[in-house]
PDB file of N, CA and C in Angstrom:
ATOM      1  N   MET A   1       0.673  -1.265   0.223  1.00  0.00           N
ATOM      2  CA  MET A   1       0.022   0.009  -0.379  1.00  0.00           C
ATOM      3  C   MET A   1       0.744   1.363  -0.019  1.00  0.00           C
ATOM      4  N   LYS A   2       0.512   2.034  -0.813  1.00  0.00           N
ATOM      5  CA  LYS A   2       1.364   3.462  -1.091  1.00  0.00           C
ATOM      6  C   LYS A   2       0.739   4.441   0.125  1.00  0.00           C
ATOM      7  N   THR A   3       1.841   5.240   0.741  1.00  0.00           N
ATOM      8  CA  THR A   3       1.499   6.379   1.513  1.00  0.00           C
ATOM      9  C   THR A   3       0.789   7.436   0.635  1.00  0.00           C
ATOM     10  N   SER A   4       0.277   8.385   1.342  1.00  0.00           N
ATOM     11  CA  SER A   4      -0.306   9.681   0.862  1.00  0.00           C
ATOM     12  C   SER A   4       0.680  10.246   0.152  1.00  0.00           C
ATOM     13  N   ALA A   5       2.088  10.587   0.941  1.00  0.00           N
ATOM     14  CA  ALA A   5       2.988  11.246   0.105  1.00  0.00           C
ATOM     15  C   ALA A   5       3.434  10.839  -1.212  1.00  0.00           C
ATOM     16  N   GLU A   6       3.544   9.355  -1.313  1.00  0.00           N
ATOM     17  CA  GLU A   6       3.919   8.514  -2.507  1.00  0.00           C
ATOM     18  C   GLU A   6       2.666   8.783  -3.688  1.00  0.00           C
ATOM     19  N   LEU A   7       1.297   8.945  -3.184  1.00  0.00           N
ATOM     20  CA  LEU A   7       0.375   8.776  -4.196  1.00  0.00           C
ATOM     21  C   LEU A   7       0.516  10.540  -4.818  1.00  0.00           C
ATOM     22  N   ARG A   8       0.842  11.303  -3.847  1.00  0.00           N
ATOM     23  CA  ARG A   8       0.772  12.824  -4.328  1.00  0.00           C
ATOM     24  C   ARG A   8       1.869  12.908  -5.214  1.00  0.00           C
ATOM     25  N   GLY A   9       3.112  12.322  -5.120  1.00  0.00           N
ATOM     26  CA  GLY A   9       4.326  12.559  -5.873  1.00  0.00           C
ATOM     27  C   GLY A   9       4.089  11.936  -7.343  1.00  0.00           C
ATOM     28  N   ILE A  10       3.172  10.754  -7.169  1.00  0.00           N
ATOM     29  CA  ILE A  10       2.796  10.169  -8.815  1.00  0.00           C
ATOM     30  C   ILE A  10       1.963  11.288  -9.327  1.00  0.00           C
ATOM     31  N   ARG A  11       0.824  11.726  -8.654  1.00  0.00           N
ATOM     32  CA  ARG A  11      -0.006  12.923  -9.114  1.00  0.00           C
ATOM     33  C   ARG A  11       0.723  14.038  -9.747  1.00  0.00           C
ATOM     34  N   LYS A  12       1.653  14.520  -9.189  1.00  0.00           N
ATOM     35  CA  LYS A  12       2.683  15.406  -9.234  1.00  0.00           C
ATOM     36  C   LYS A  12       3.482  15.265 -10.435  1.00  0.00           C
ATOM     37  N   LYS A  13       4.002  14.281 -10.729  1.00  0.00           N
ATOM     38  CA  LYS A  13       4.803  13.533 -11.999  1.00  0.00           C
ATOM     39  C   LYS A  13       3.760  13.869 -13.196  1.00  0.00           C
ATOM     40  N   ARG A  14       2.559  13.115 -12.970  1.00  0.00           N
ATOM     41  CA  ARG A  14       1.677  13.116 -14.212  1.00  0.00           C
ATOM     42  C   ARG A  14       1.351  14.475 -14.531  1.00  0.00           C
ATOM     43  N   GLN A  15       1.015  15.426 -13.546  1.00  0.00           N
ATOM     44  CA  GLN A  15       0.360  16.651 -14.004  1.00  0.00           C
ATOM     45  C   GLN A  15       1.764  17.448 -14.582  1.00  0.00           C
ATOM     46  N   ARG A  16       2.947  17.282 -14.001  1.00  0.00           N
ATOM     47  CA  ARG A  16       4.003  18.172 -14.636  1.00  0.00           C
ATOM     48  C   ARG A  16       4.192  17.614 -16.036  1.00  0.00           C
ATOM     49  N   TYR A  17       3.950  16.513 -16.378  1.00  0.00           N
ATOM     50  CA  TYR A  17       4.409  16.049 -17.689  1.00  0.00           C
ATOM     51  C   TYR A  17       3.278  16.664 -18.666  1.00  0.00           C
ATOM     52  N   LYS A  18       1.894  16.658 -18.258  1.00  0.00           N
ATOM     53  CA  LYS A  18       0.998  17.185 -19.046  1.00  0.00           C
ATOM     54  C   LYS A  18       1.062  19.048 -19.296  1.00  0.00           C
ATOM     55  N   ILE A  19       1.560  19.517 -18.176  1.00  0.00           N
ATOM     56  CA  ILE A  19       1.777  20.895 -18.277  1.00  0.00           C
ATOM     57  C   ILE A  19       2.831  21.210 -19.054  1.00  0.00           C
ATOM     58  N   SER A  20       3.931  20.351 -19.207  1.00  0.00           N
ATOM     59  CA  SER A  20       5.222  20.541 -20.227  1.00  0.00           C
ATOM     60  C   SER A  20       4.662  20.599 -21.551  1.00  0.00           C
ATOM     61  N   ARG A  21       3.726  19.448 -21.631  1.00  0.00           N
ATOM     62  CA  ARG A  21       3.150  19.330 -23.245  1.00  0.00           C
ATOM     63  C   ARG A  21       2.230  20.407 -23.732  1.00  0.00           C
ATOM     64  N   THR A  22       1.407  21.044 -22.957  1.00  0.00           N
ATOM     65  CA  THR A  22       0.448  22.184 -23.179  1.00  0.00           C
ATOM     66  C   THR A  22       0.732  23.473 -22.837  1.00  0.00           C
ATOM     67  N   SER A  23       1.589  23.650 -22.218  1.00  0.00           N
ATOM     68  CA  SER A  23       1.985  24.866 -21.655  1.00  0.00           C
ATOM     69  C   SER A  23       2.112  26.162 -22.574  1.00  0.00           C
ATOM     70  N   CYS A  24       2.181  25.768 -23.997  1.00  0.00           N
ATOM     71  CA  CYS A  24       2.257  27.143 -24.905  1.00  0.00           C
ATOM     72  C   CYS A  24       3.011  28.138 -24.571  1.00  0.00           C
ATOM     73  N   GLY A  25       4.218  28.215 -23.889  1.00  0.00           N
ATOM     74  CA  GLY A  25       4.759  29.374 -23.618  1.00  0.00           C
ATOM     75  C   GLY A  25       4.234  30.058 -22.688  1.00  0.00           C
ATOM     76  N   ARG A  26       3.435  29.754 -21.465  1.00  0.00           N
ATOM     77  CA  ARG A  26       2.922  30.523 -20.571  1.00  0.00           C
ATOM     78  C   ARG A  26       3.708  30.240 -19.287  1.00  0.00           C
ATOM     79  N   CYS A  27       3.396  31.353 -18.460  1.00  0.00           N
ATOM     80  CA  CYS A  27       4.134  31.102 -17.184  1.00  0.00           C
ATOM     81  C   CYS A  27       3.498  30.121 -16.175  1.00  0.00           C
ATOM     82  N   ARG A  28       3.959  29.682 -15.041  1.00  0.00           N
ATOM     83  CA  ARG A  28       3.475  28.678 -14.576  1.00  0.00           C
ATOM     84  C   ARG A  28       3.017  29.216 -13.050  1.00  0.00           C
ATOM     85  N   LEU A  29       1.861  28.990 -12.615  1.00  0.00           N
ATOM     86  CA  LEU A  29       1.272  29.393 -11.284  1.00  0.00           C
ATOM     87  C   LEU A  29       1.490  28.218 -10.418  1.00  0.00           C
ATOM     88  N   LEU A  30       2.548  27.978  -9.502  1.00  0.00           N
ATOM     89  CA  LEU A  30       2.779  26.972  -8.756  1.00  0.00           C
ATOM     90  C   LEU A  30       2.335  26.971  -7.394  1.00  0.00           C
ATOM     91  N   ILE A  31       1.367  26.106  -6.770  1.00  0.00           N
ATOM     92  CA  ILE A  31       0.838  25.906  -5.467  1.00  0.00           C
ATOM     93  C   ILE A  31       1.663  25.083  -4.686  1.00  0.00           C
ATOM     94  N   HIS A  32       1.735  25.620  -3.362  1.00  0.00           N
ATOM     95  CA  HIS A  32       2.179  24.438  -2.539  1.00  0.00           C
ATOM     96  C   HIS A  32       1.643  24.717  -0.985  1.00  0.00           C
ATOM     97  N   ARG A  33       0.924  23.716  -0.380  1.00  0.00           N
ATOM     98  CA  ARG A  33       0.219  23.795   0.912  1.00  0.00           C
ATOM     99  C   ARG A  33       0.968  23.080   1.946  1.00  0.00           C
ATOM    100  N   THR A  34       0.937  23.535   2.940  1.00  0.00           N
ATOM    101  CA  THR A  34       1.164  22.726   4.137  1.00  0.00           C
ATOM    102  C   THR A  34       0.291  22.792   5.142  1.00  0.00           C
ATOM    103  N   ASN A  35       0.165  22.279   6.549  1.00  0.00           N
ATOM    104  CA  ASN A  35      -0.955  22.600   7.621  1.00  0.00           C
ATOM    105  C   ASN A  35      -1.099  23.905   8.008  1.00  0.00           C
ATOM    106  N   ASN A  36       0.321  24.523   7.995  1.00  0.00           N
ATOM    107  CA  ASN A  36       0.104  26.055   8.482  1.00  0.00           C
ATOM    108  C   ASN A  36       0.097  27.034   7.506  1.00  0.00           C
ATOM    109  N   ASN A  37       0.582  26.990   6.346  1.00  0.00           N
ATOM    110  CA  ASN A  37       0.753  27.736   5.356  1.00  0.00           C
ATOM    111  C   ASN A  37       0.309  27.389   3.868  1.00  0.00           C
ATOM    112  N   MET A  38       0.351  28.568   2.937  1.00  0.00           N
ATOM    113  CA  MET A  38      -0.194  28.401   1.816  1.00  0.00           C
ATOM    114  C   MET A  38       1.048  29.270   0.832  1.00  0.00           C
ATOM    115  N   TYR A  39       1.221  28.632  -0.029  1.00  0.00           N
ATOM    116  CA  TYR A  39       2.529  29.519  -0.784  1.00  0.00           C
ATOM    117  C   TYR A  39       2.016  29.281  -2.466  1.00  0.00           C
ATOM    118  N   ALA A  40       2.134  30.614  -3.083  1.00  0.00           N
ATOM    119  CA  ALA A  40       2.249  30.611  -4.457  1.00  0.00           C
ATOM    120  C   ALA A  40       3.080  31.207  -4.950  1.00  0.00           C
ATOM    121  N   GLN A  41       3.870  30.906  -6.169  1.00  0.00           N
ATOM    122  CA  GLN A  41       4.490  31.584  -6.992  1.00  0.00           C
ATOM    123  C   GLN A  41       4.350  31.551  -8.490  1.00  0.00           C
ATOM    124  N   ILE A  42       4.852  32.242  -9.193  1.00  0.00           N
ATOM    125  CA  ILE A  42       4.823  32.344 -10.788  1.00  0.00           C
ATOM    126  C   ILE A  42       6.275  32.147 -11.097  1.00  0.00           C
ATOM    127  N   LEU A  43       6.341  31.114 -12.023  1.00  0.00           N
ATOM    128  CA  LEU A  43       7.632  30.692 -12.398  1.00  0.00           C
ATOM    129  C   LEU A  43       7.766  31.048 -14.025  1.00  0.00           C
ATOM    130  N   ASP A  44       8.720  31.528 -14.496  1.00  0.00           N
ATOM    131  CA  ASP A  44       8.791  32.262 -16.040  1.00  0.00           C
ATOM    132  C   ASP A  44       8.688  30.943 -16.801  1.00  0.00           C
ATOM    133  N   ILE A  45       8.750  31.048 -18.081  1.00  0.00           N
ATOM    134  CA  ILE A  45       8.469  29.923 -19.265  1.00  0.00           C
ATOM    135  C   ILE A  45       9.777  28.835 -18.845  1.00  0.00           C
ATOM    136  N   SER A  46      10.817  29.016 -18.487  1.00  0.00           N
ATOM    137  CA  SER A  46      11.782  28.202 -18.527  1.00  0.00           C
ATOM    138  C   SER A  46      11.800  27.560 -17.089  1.00  0.00           C
ATOM    139  N   GLY A  47      10.813  28.090 -16.331  1.00  0.00           N
ATOM    140  CA  GLY A  47      10.536  27.272 -14.827  1.00  0.00           C
ATOM    141  C   GLY A  47      11.946  27.271 -13.805  1.00  0.00           C
ATOM    142  N   LYS A  48      12.569  28.211 -14.049  1.00  0.00           N
ATOM    143  CA  LYS A  48      14.041  28.471 -13.350  1.00  0.00           C
ATOM    144  C   LYS A  48      13.900  29.735 -12.530  1.00  0.00           C
ATOM    145  N   ASN A  49      13.141  30.800 -12.799  1.00  0.00           N
ATOM    146  CA  ASN A  49      13.046  31.975 -12.319  1.00  0.00           C
ATOM    147  C   ASN A  49      11.757  32.270 -11.626  1.00  0.00           C
ATOM    148  N   THR A  50      11.668  32.817 -10.468  1.00  0.00           N
ATOM    149  CA  THR A  50      10.230  33.077  -9.890  1.00  0.00           C
ATOM    150  C   THR A  50      10.397  34.690  -9.971  1.00  0.00           C
ATOM    151  N   VAL A  51       9.002  35.088 -10.728  1.00  0.00           N
ATOM    152  CA  VAL A  51       8.479  36.302 -11.158  1.00  0.00           C
ATOM    153  C   VAL A  51       8.016  36.863  -9.950  1.00  0.00           C
ATOM    154  N   VAL A  52       6.838  36.123  -9.516  1.00  0.00           N
ATOM    155  CA  VAL A  52       6.057  36.557  -8.138  1.00  0.00           C
ATOM    156  C   VAL A  52       6.183  35.567  -7.210  1.00  0.00           C
ATOM    157  N   HIS A  53       6.173  35.856  -5.934  1.00  0.00           N
ATOM    158  CA  HIS A  53       6.060  34.847  -4.756  1.00  0.00           C
ATOM    159  C   HIS A  53       5.136  35.698  -3.615  1.00  0.00           C
ATOM    160  N   VAL A  54       4.219  34.834  -3.336  1.00  0.00           N
ATOM    161  CA  VAL A  54       3.296  35.128  -2.104  1.00  0.00           C
ATOM    162  C   VAL A  54       2.879  33.856  -1.280  1.00  0.00           C
ATOM    163  N   SER A  55       2.954  34.294   0.053  1.00  0.00           N
ATOM    164  CA  SER A  55       2.641  33.275   0.768  1.00  0.00           C
ATOM    165  C   SER A  55       1.837  33.845   2.120  1.00  0.00           C
ATOM    166  N   THR A  56       1.539  32.960   2.977  1.00  0.00           N
ATOM    167  CA  THR A  56       0.667  33.324   4.120  1.00  0.00           C
ATOM    168  C   THR A  56       1.877  34.019   5.245  1.00  0.00           C
ATOM    169  N   LEU A  57       3.185  33.674   4.895  1.00  0.00           N
ATOM    170  CA  LEU A  57       4.199  34.423   5.840  1.00  0.00           C
ATOM    171  C   LEU A  57       4.623  35.918   5.212  1.00  0.00           C
ATOM    172  N   SER A  58       3.854  36.329   4.154  1.00  0.00           N
ATOM    173  CA  SER A  58       4.302  37.800   3.706  1.00  0.00           C
ATOM    174  C   SER A  58       3.482  38.635   4.812  1.00  0.00           C
ATOM    175  N   LYS A  59       4.055  39.574   4.936  1.00  0.00           N
ATOM    176  CA  LYS A  59       3.777  40.793   5.821  1.00  0.00           C
ATOM    177  C   LYS A  59       2.247  41.331   5.329  1.00  0.00           C
ATOM    178  N   ALA A  60       1.916  41.503   4.082  1.00  0.00           N
ATOM    179  CA  ALA A  60       0.536  41.909   3.646  1.00  0.00           C
ATOM    180  C   ALA A  60      -0.583  40.588   3.752  1.00  0.00           C
ATOM    181  N   VAL A  61      -0.051  39.503   3.887  1.00  0.00           N
ATOM    182  CA  VAL A  61      -1.099  38.523   4.169  1.00  0.00           C
ATOM    183  C   VAL A  61      -1.244  38.383   5.695  1.00  0.00           C
ATOM    184  N   ARG A  62      -0.157  38.621   6.419  1.00  0.00           N
ATOM    185  CA  ARG A  62      -0.382  38.486   8.037  1.00  0.00           C
ATOM    186  C   ARG A  62      -1.161  39.516   8.393  1.00  0.00           C
ATOM    187  N   GLU A  63      -1.289  40.987   8.051  1.00  0.00           N
ATOM    188  CA  GLU A  63      -1.907  41.862   8.371  1.00  0.00           C
ATOM    189  C   GLU A  63      -3.382  41.406   8.085  1.00  0.00           C
ATOM    190  N   GLU A  64      -3.876  40.878   7.127  1.00  0.00           N
ATOM    191  CA  GLU A  64      -5.250  40.566   7.047  1.00  0.00           C
ATOM    192  C   GLU A  64      -5.942  39.161   7.629  1.00  0.00           C
ATOM    193  N   VAL A  65      -5.126  38.279   7.648  1.00  0.00           N
ATOM    194  CA  VAL A  65      -5.395  37.155   8.322  1.00  0.00           C
ATOM    195  C   VAL A  65      -4.657  36.626   9.580  1.00  0.00           C
ATOM    196  N   LYS A  66      -5.254  35.847  10.219  1.00  0.00           N
ATOM    197  CA  LYS A  66      -4.596  35.501  11.566  1.00  0.00           C
ATOM    198  C   LYS A  66      -3.913  34.337  11.477  1.00  0.00           C
ATOM    199  N   ASN A  67      -4.643  33.242  10.842  1.00  0.00           N
ATOM    200  CA  ASN A  67      -4.271  31.925  10.865  1.00  0.00           C
ATOM    201  C   ASN A  67      -3.677  31.759   9.304  1.00  0.00           C
ATOM    202  N   GLY A  68      -2.566  31.084   8.634  1.00  0.00           N
ATOM    203  CA  GLY A  68      -2.285  30.910   7.501  1.00  0.00           C
ATOM    204  C   GLY A  68      -2.754  29.727   6.727  1.00  0.00           C
ATOM    205  N   GLY A  69      -3.356  28.679   7.665  1.00  0.00           N
ATOM    206  CA  GLY A  69      -3.651  27.574   7.152  1.00  0.00           C
ATOM    207  C   GLY A  69      -5.117  27.120   6.920  1.00  0.00           C
ATOM    208  N   ASN A  70      -5.918  28.246   6.838  1.00  0.00           N
ATOM    209  CA  ASN A  70      -7.546  28.003   6.469  1.00  0.00           C
ATOM    210  C   ASN A  70      -7.894  28.642   5.091  1.00  0.00           C
ATOM    211  N   LYS A  71      -8.905  28.686   4.670  1.00  0.00           N
ATOM    212  CA  LYS A  71      -9.603  28.906   3.243  1.00  0.00           C
ATOM    213  C   LYS A  71      -9.444  30.506   3.070  1.00  0.00           C
ATOM    214  N   GLU A  72      -9.667  31.029   4.319  1.00  0.00           N
ATOM    215  CA  GLU A  72      -9.548  32.556   4.307  1.00  0.00           C
ATOM    216  C   GLU A  72      -8.000  33.151   3.882  1.00  0.00           C
ATOM    217  N   ALA A  73      -7.237  32.616   4.470  1.00  0.00           N
ATOM    218  CA  ALA A  73      -5.980  32.871   3.821  1.00  0.00           C
ATOM    219  C   ALA A  73      -5.571  32.573   2.550  1.00  0.00           C
ATOM    220  N   ALA A  74      -6.198  31.251   2.200  1.00  0.00           N
ATOM    221  CA  ALA A  74      -5.982  31.025   0.661  1.00  0.00           C
ATOM    222  C   ALA A  74      -6.623  31.752  -0.158  1.00  0.00           C
ATOM    223  N   VAL A  75      -7.704  32.367   0.094  1.00  0.00           N
ATOM    224  CA  VAL A  75      -8.080  33.475  -0.684  1.00  0.00           C
ATOM    225  C   VAL A  75      -7.283  34.777  -0.855  1.00  0.00           C
ATOM    226  N   CYS A  76      -6.898  35.205   0.067  1.00  0.00           N
ATOM    227  CA  CYS A  76      -5.952  36.274   0.372  1.00  0.00           C
ATOM    228  C   CYS A  76      -5.007  36.025  -0.535  1.00  0.00           C
ATOM    229  N   VAL A  77      -4.361  35.119  -0.229  1.00  0.00           N
ATOM    230  CA  VAL A  77      -2.936  34.601  -1.127  1.00  0.00           C
ATOM    231  C   VAL A  77      -3.387  34.695  -2.743  1.00  0.00           C
ATOM    232  N   GLY A  78      -4.220  34.157  -3.403  1.00  0.00           N
ATOM    233  CA  GLY A  78      -4.934  34.018  -4.562  1.00  0.00           C
ATOM    234  C   GLY A  78      -4.899  35.569  -5.146  1.00  0.00           C
ATOM    235  N   ARG A  79      -5.678  36.326  -4.046  1.00  0.00           N
ATOM    236  CA  ARG A  79      -5.969  37.725  -4.680  1.00  0.00           C
ATOM    237  C   ARG A  79      -4.278  38.326  -4.541  1.00  0.00           C
ATOM    238  N   LEU A  80      -3.620  38.539  -4.089  1.00  0.00           N
ATOM    239  CA  LEU A  80      -2.387  38.975  -4.008  1.00  0.00           C
ATOM    240  C   LEU A  80      -1.594  38.627  -5.076  1.00  0.00           C
ATOM    241  N   VAL A  81      -1.624  37.092  -4.978  1.00  0.00           N
ATOM    242  CA  VAL A  81      -0.697  36.761  -6.339  1.00  0.00           C
ATOM    243  C   VAL A  81      -0.905  37.461  -7.764  1.00  0.00           C
ATOM    244  N   ALA A  82      -2.621  37.464  -7.950  1.00  0.00           N
ATOM    245  CA  ALA A  82      -3.065  37.923  -8.991  1.00  0.00           C
ATOM    246  C   ALA A  82      -2.514  39.050  -9.454  1.00  0.00           C
ATOM    247  N   VAL A  83      -2.903  40.024  -8.225  1.00  0.00           N
ATOM    248  CA  VAL A  83      -2.470  41.492  -8.463  1.00  0.00           C
ATOM    249  C   VAL A  83      -1.018  41.785  -8.771  1.00  0.00           C
ATOM    250  N   ALA A  84      -0.124  40.887  -7.958  1.00  0.00           N
ATOM    251  CA  ALA A  84       1.165  41.273  -8.367  1.00  0.00           C
ATOM    252  C   ALA A  84       1.767  40.843  -9.654  1.00  0.00           C
ATOM    253  N   ALA A  85       1.050  39.713 -10.246  1.00  0.00           N
ATOM    254  CA  ALA A  85       1.269  39.035 -11.552  1.00  0.00           C
ATOM    255  C   ALA A  85       0.841  39.933 -12.541  1.00  0.00           C
ATOM    256  N   LEU A  86      -0.557  40.895 -12.528  1.00  0.00           N
ATOM    257  CA  LEU A  86      -0.952  41.498 -13.507  1.00  0.00           C
ATOM    258  C   LEU A  86      -0.158  42.997 -13.302  1.00  0.00           C
ATOM    259  N   GLY A  87       0.415  43.388 -12.108  1.00  0.00           N
ATOM    260  CA  GLY A  87       1.540  44.438 -12.090  1.00  0.00           C
ATOM    261  C   GLY A  87       2.628  44.114 -12.739  1.00  0.00           C
ATOM    262  N   LYS A  88       3.162  42.728 -13.320  1.00  0.00           N
ATOM    263  CA  LYS A  88       4.439  42.730 -13.977  1.00  0.00           C
ATOM    264  C   LYS A  88       3.868  42.333 -15.289  1.00  0.00           C
ATOM    265  N   GLY A  89       2.593  42.286 -15.707  1.00  0.00           N
ATOM    266  CA  GLY A  89       2.242  41.973 -17.328  1.00  0.00           C
ATOM    267  C   GLY A  89       1.987  40.624 -17.466  1.00  0.00           C
ATOM    268  N   ILE A  90       1.697  39.880 -16.474  1.00  0.00           N
ATOM    269  CA  ILE A  90       1.299  38.439 -16.591  1.00  0.00           C
ATOM    270  C   ILE A  90      -0.149  38.229 -16.445  1.00  0.00           C
ATOM    271  N   LYS A  91      -0.782  38.126 -17.421  1.00  0.00           N
ATOM    272  CA  LYS A  91      -2.154  37.758 -17.583  1.00  0.00           C
ATOM    273  C   LYS A  91      -2.753  36.235 -17.685  1.00  0.00           C
ATOM    274  N   GLU A  92      -1.682  35.512 -18.468  1.00  0.00           N
ATOM    275  CA  GLU A  92      -2.284  33.979 -18.739  1.00  0.00           C
ATOM    276  C   GLU A  92      -1.407  33.250 -18.092  1.00  0.00           C
ATOM    277  N   VAL A  93      -1.369  32.309 -17.058  1.00  0.00           N
ATOM    278  CA  VAL A  93      -0.647  31.390 -16.622  1.00  0.00           C
ATOM    279  C   VAL A  93      -1.371  29.891 -16.736  1.00  0.00           C
ATOM    280  N   VAL A  94      -0.395  28.953 -16.583  1.00  0.00           N
ATOM    281  CA  VAL A  94      -0.527  27.488 -16.303  1.00  0.00           C
ATOM    282  C   VAL A  94      -0.956  27.019 -14.526  1.00  0.00           C
ATOM    283  N   PHE A  95      -2.113  26.621 -14.494  1.00  0.00           N
ATOM    284  CA  PHE A  95      -2.165  26.037 -12.920  1.00  0.00           C
ATOM    285  C   PHE A  95      -1.544  24.836 -12.533  1.00  0.00           C
ATOM    286  N   ASP A  96      -0.345  24.762 -11.736  1.00  0.00           N
ATOM    287  CA  ASP A  96       0.353  23.615 -11.267  1.00  0.00           C
ATOM    288  C   ASP A  96      -0.177  23.529  -9.791  1.00  0.00           C
ATOM    289  N   ARG A  97      -0.964  22.552  -9.503  1.00  0.00           N
ATOM    290  CA  ARG A  97      -1.207  22.193  -8.124  1.00  0.00           C
ATOM    291  C   ARG A  97      -0.506  21.535  -7.494  1.00  0.00           C
ATOM    292  N   SER A  98       0.607  21.097  -7.956  1.00  0.00           N
ATOM    293  CA  SER A  98       1.868  20.231  -7.311  1.00  0.00           C
ATOM    294  C   SER A  98       1.283  18.971  -6.821  1.00  0.00           C
ATOM    295  N   GLY A  99       0.331  18.366  -7.459  1.00  0.00           N
ATOM    296  CA  GLY A  99      -0.246  17.176  -6.825  1.00  0.00           C
ATOM    297  C   GLY A  99      -0.998  16.998  -5.857  1.00  0.00           C
ATOM    298  N   PHE A 100      -1.402  18.049  -5.407  1.00  0.00           N
ATOM    299  CA  PHE A 100      -2.770  18.627  -4.332  1.00  0.00           C
ATOM    300  C   PHE A 100      -4.057  18.254  -5.101  1.00  0.00           C
ATOM    301  N   LEU A 101      -4.981  17.747  -4.378  1.00  0.00           N
ATOM    302  CA  LEU A 101      -6.065  17.705  -4.909  1.00  0.00           C
ATOM    303  C   LEU A 101      -6.772  18.980  -5.058  1.00  0.00           C
ATOM    304  N   TYR A 102      -7.629  19.153  -6.154  1.00  0.00           N
ATOM    305  CA  TYR A 102      -8.340  20.533  -6.425  1.00  0.00           C
ATOM    306  C   TYR A 102      -9.648  20.448  -5.574  1.00  0.00           C
ATOM    307  N   HIS A 103      -9.229  21.011  -4.262  1.00  0.00           N
ATOM    308  CA  HIS A 103     -10.184  20.950  -3.171  1.00  0.00           C
ATOM    309  C   HIS A 103     -10.060  21.765  -2.137  1.00  0.00           C
ATOM    310  N   GLY A 104     -10.816  22.168  -1.525  1.00  0.00           N
ATOM    311  CA  GLY A 104     -10.494  22.998  -0.242  1.00  0.00           C
ATOM    312  C   GLY A 104      -9.877  24.080  -0.590  1.00  0.00           C
ATOM    313  N   ARG A 105      -8.590  24.414   0.109  1.00  0.00           N
ATOM    314  CA  ARG A 105      -7.895  25.797   0.181  1.00  0.00           C
ATOM    315  C   ARG A 105      -7.203  25.832  -1.263  1.00  0.00           C
ATOM    316  N   VAL A 106      -6.925  24.732  -1.976  1.00  0.00           N
ATOM    317  CA  VAL A 106      -6.466  24.603  -3.217  1.00  0.00           C
ATOM    318  C   VAL A 106      -7.315  25.484  -4.431  1.00  0.00           C
ATOM    319  N   GLN A 107      -8.505  25.056  -4.006  1.00  0.00           N
ATOM    320  CA  GLN A 107      -9.667  25.610  -5.034  1.00  0.00           C
ATOM    321  C   GLN A 107     -10.003  26.865  -4.877  1.00  0.00           C
ATOM    322  N   ARG A 108      -9.974  27.262  -3.545  1.00  0.00           N
ATOM    323  CA  ARG A 108     -10.231  28.758  -2.963  1.00  0.00           C
ATOM    324  C   ARG A 108      -9.200  29.589  -3.758  1.00  0.00           C
ATOM    325  N   LEU A 109      -7.826  29.278  -3.686  1.00  0.00           N
ATOM    326  CA  LEU A 109      -6.826  30.231  -4.071  1.00  0.00           C
ATOM    327  C   LEU A 109      -7.024  30.063  -5.777  1.00  0.00           C
ATOM    328  N   ALA A 110      -7.102  29.367  -6.486  1.00  0.00           N
ATOM    329  CA  ALA A 110      -7.319  29.281  -7.829  1.00  0.00           C
ATOM    330  C   ALA A 110      -8.320  30.033  -8.062  1.00  0.00           C
ATOM    331  N   GLU A 111      -9.763  29.929  -7.386  1.00  0.00           N
ATOM    332  CA  GLU A 111     -10.778  30.967  -7.702  1.00  0.00           C
ATOM    333  C   GLU A 111     -10.652  32.339  -7.510  1.00  0.00           C
ATOM    334  N   SER A 112      -9.839  32.394  -6.351  1.00  0.00           N
ATOM    335  CA  SER A 112      -9.786  34.107  -6.102  1.00  0.00           C
ATOM    336  C   SER A 112      -8.804  34.666  -6.950  1.00  0.00           C
ATOM    337  N   ALA A 113      -7.734  33.880  -7.484  1.00  0.00           N
ATOM    338  CA  ALA A 113      -6.840  34.372  -8.902  1.00  0.00           C
ATOM    339  C   ALA A 113      -7.659  34.745  -9.836  1.00  0.00           C
ATOM    340  N   ARG A 114      -8.586  33.626 -10.220  1.00  0.00           N
ATOM    341  CA  ARG A 114      -9.028  33.737 -11.223  1.00  0.00           C
ATOM    342  C   ARG A 114     -10.282  35.152 -11.136  1.00  0.00           C
ATOM    343  N   GLU A 115     -10.855  35.237 -10.088  1.00  0.00           N
ATOM    344  CA  GLU A 115     -11.875  36.385  -9.602  1.00  0.00           C
ATOM    345  C   GLU A 115     -10.921  37.832  -9.918  1.00  0.00           C
ATOM    346  N   ASN A 116      -9.524  37.724  -9.619  1.00  0.00           N
ATOM    347  CA  ASN A 116      -8.947  39.041  -9.851  1.00  0.00           C
ATOM    348  C   ASN A 116      -8.169  39.243 -11.030  1.00  0.00           C
ATOM    349  N   GLY A 117      -8.286  38.603 -12.018  1.00  0.00           N
ATOM    350  CA  GLY A 117      -7.875  38.682 -13.321  1.00  0.00           C
ATOM    351  C   GLY A 117      -6.972  37.650 -14.029  1.00  0.00           C
ATOM    352  N   LEU A 118      -6.313  36.816 -13.271  1.00  0.00           N
ATOM    353  CA  LEU A 118      -5.503  35.562 -14.145  1.00  0.00           C
ATOM    354  C   LEU A 118      -6.401  34.720 -14.655  1.00  0.00           C
ATOM    355  N   VAL A 119      -5.879  34.160 -15.799  1.00  0.00           N
ATOM    356  CA  VAL A 119      -6.650  33.511 -16.683  1.00  0.00           C
ATOM    357  C   VAL A 119      -5.737  32.165 -16.873  1.00  0.00           C
ATOM    358  N   PHE A 120      -6.436  30.973 -16.674  1.00  0.00           N
ATOM    359  CA  PHE A 120      -5.936  29.738 -16.519  1.00  0.00           C
ATOM    360  C   PHE A 120      -6.990  28.734 -16.872  1.00  0.00           C
TER     361      PHE A 120
END
C-alpha cells in the first residue's frame, strides 16, 4: 500500500508531464500547501526564475488574516498573487497544483486568482 505522500508524488509527476506538453509558452502558477501555510509563486517559461511569490508568511497577508492554514488565507494569497502578476504584465498562466487535490484551500486560491484577473 502506498502512502499519501507517494500518491501525491505520482499525481505531481503526471501533472507536470501534461503541463510541459500543453503550456504553450505561458508562465506557471505553482501552489504548495502545508498544514500551517499556503505558498503561491509564478515561474517564468523556463521554470527556473520566480517572477512573483506570495505566501501566508508575507507581511501583507499576515496583516489581513490571523491563521495561515485556512480557506480565508488561501483566498487572500490568491488575490495578492493575481494583483502582483498583473502588475508585472502576466495575464495568462498554467495552474500547477503540485499533486494536491483540487479541493478546499487549493480550489479557493485558484478561484480567487481567477476572480482577480488571472486566466488559466
